[in-house]
Amino acid sequence: MVYRQIEKLQTMVNNLLGICAEGKTEAVLEDPDLFPQDSRYERLGVMLLKAQDGVLEDRYLLRMEKWLLCDESALRYYVDFQSLTAILSMHFNPGRFSRNLASEKIFTTQ
């Protein structure tokens, strides 16, 4: 069941990335590395979702780290994915990103 939810989220992310691609100029769209759509990046998306949930095993986390160090287009996908996740989190759960007033008082009283 969780896997289906992850697949559904991955499809949504791919669709949103496609919408972003429509706004780019034709010259940018000719670069196939800019918006990778093959299954390799779907697997990366699943790994990222698992990492965000804290359920990605350490060995896969290390594998993902090596992948991102070696593949520039995968790194771009990672940055886009994480940016989109942060934007969606801020939009749908804005209280999560509110300032912690208690910690601010500690720094202002010293």
Protein backbone atom coordinates (compact mmCIF):
# COMPACT_ATOMS: atom_id res chain seq x y z
CA MET A 1 0.00 0.00 0.00
CA VAL A 2 2.82 2.42 0.84
CA TYR A 3 4.50 1.54 -2.46
CA ARG A 4 1.33 2.56 -4.35
CA GLN A 5 1.27 5.89 -2.52
CA ILE A 6 4.92 6.44 -3.41
CA GLU A 7 4.22 5.63 -7.07
CA LYS A 8 1.27 8.04 -7.06
CA LEU A 9 3.43 10.80 -5.57
CA GLN A 10 6.18 10.07 -8.10
CA THR A 11 3.67 10.42 -10.94
CA MET A 12 2.50 13.73 -9.50
CA VAL A 13 6.09 14.97 -9.25
CA ASN A 14 6.80 13.93 -12.84
CA ASN A 15 3.66 15.72 -14.01
CA LEU A 16 4.63 18.88 -12.14
CA LEU A 17 8.14 18.73 -13.59
CA GLY A 18 6.52 18.38 -17.03
CA ILE A 19 4.47 21.51 -16.39
CA CYS A 20 7.68 23.33 -15.44
CA ALA A 21 9.28 22.11 -18.66
CA GLU A 22 6.47 23.61 -20.72
CA GLY A 23 7.47 27.06 -19.51
CA LYS A 24 11.04 26.68 -20.73
CA THR A 25 12.27 27.86 -24.12
CA GLU A 26 12.70 25.44 -27.00
CA ALA A 27 16.49 25.66 -26.72
CA VAL A 28 16.38 24.49 -23.11
CA LEU A 29 13.91 21.70 -23.88
CA GLU A 30 16.33 20.23 -26.43
CA ASP A 31 18.65 19.24 -23.58
CA PRO A 32 17.51 15.69 -22.62
CA ASP A 33 19.45 15.77 -19.35
CA LEU A 34 17.48 18.72 -18.04
CA PHE A 35 14.21 16.83 -17.51
CA PRO A 36 15.05 13.13 -17.32
CA GLN A 37 11.97 10.91 -17.53
CA ASP A 38 13.35 7.38 -17.69
CA SER A 39 12.91 4.72 -15.02
CA ARG A 40 16.29 5.44 -13.43
CA TYR A 41 14.95 8.72 -12.11
CA GLU A 42 11.69 7.16 -11.02
CA ARG A 43 13.77 4.88 -8.79
CA LEU A 44 15.65 7.93 -7.53
CA GLY A 45 12.31 9.57 -6.69
CA VAL A 46 11.23 6.52 -4.70
CA MET A 47 14.55 6.53 -2.86
CA LEU A 48 14.13 10.23 -2.06
CA LEU A 49 10.64 9.72 -0.68
CA LYS A 50 11.86 6.86 1.49
CA ALA A 51 14.78 8.98 2.70
CA GLN A 52 12.39 11.82 3.59
CA ASP A 53 10.28 9.36 5.58
CA GLY A 54 13.38 7.99 7.30
CA VAL A 55 12.88 4.44 6.05
CA LEU A 56 15.67 4.24 3.46
CA GLU A 57 18.31 1.75 4.52
CA ASP A 58 21.84 3.05 5.02
CA ARG A 59 23.26 1.02 2.14
CA TYR A 60 20.73 2.58 -0.27
CA LEU A 61 21.41 6.02 1.16
CA LEU A 62 25.12 5.54 0.39
CA ARG A 63 24.26 4.25 -3.08
CA MET A 64 22.11 7.32 -3.71
CA GLU A 65 24.91 9.60 -2.49
CA LYS A 66 27.40 8.02 -4.90
CA TRP A 67 24.85 8.24 -7.71
CA LEU A 68 24.34 11.95 -7.11
CA LEU A 69 28.08 12.57 -7.00
CA CYS A 70 28.61 10.84 -10.35
CA ASP A 71 25.53 11.88 -12.33
CA GLU A 72 24.94 15.60 -12.84
CA SER A 73 21.44 15.16 -14.29
CA ALA A 74 20.46 12.97 -11.31
CA LEU A 75 21.70 15.74 -9.02
CA ARG A 76 19.52 18.27 -10.89
CA TYR A 77 16.56 15.91 -10.48
CA TYR A 78 17.35 15.64 -6.76
CA VAL A 79 17.45 19.41 -6.32
CA ASP A 80 14.19 19.88 -8.27
CA PHE A 81 12.52 17.08 -6.31
CA GLN A 82 13.59 18.44 -2.92
CA SER A 83 12.61 21.99 -3.89
CA LEU A 84 9.19 20.84 -5.00
CA THR A 85 8.75 18.85 -1.79
CA ALA A 86 9.66 21.89 0.32
CA ILE A 87 7.30 24.16 -1.62
CA LEU A 88 4.43 21.69 -1.29
CA SER A 89 5.13 21.26 2.43
CA MET A 90 5.14 25.02 2.96
CA HIS A 91 1.89 25.36 1.04
CA PHE A 92 -0.05 22.51 2.64
CA ASN A 93 1.47 22.63 6.13
CA PRO A 94 2.63 26.21 6.78
CA GLY A 95 2.59 25.80 10.57
CA ARG A 96 5.47 23.36 10.31
CA PHE A 97 7.74 26.16 9.15
CA SER A 98 6.63 28.80 11.66
CA ARG A 99 9.32 30.40 13.75
CA ASN A 100 10.02 28.92 17.13
CA LEU A 101 9.54 31.86 19.49
CA ALA A 102 10.96 30.03 22.51
CA SER A 103 14.34 29.53 20.84
CA GLU A 104 14.38 33.18 19.71
CA LYS A 105 13.93 34.35 23.31
CA ILE A 106 17.03 32.43 24.35
CA PHE A 107 19.17 34.26 21.79
CA THR A 108 17.70 37.72 22.41
CA THR A 109 18.09 37.67 26.22
CA GLN A 110 21.82 36.97 26.18
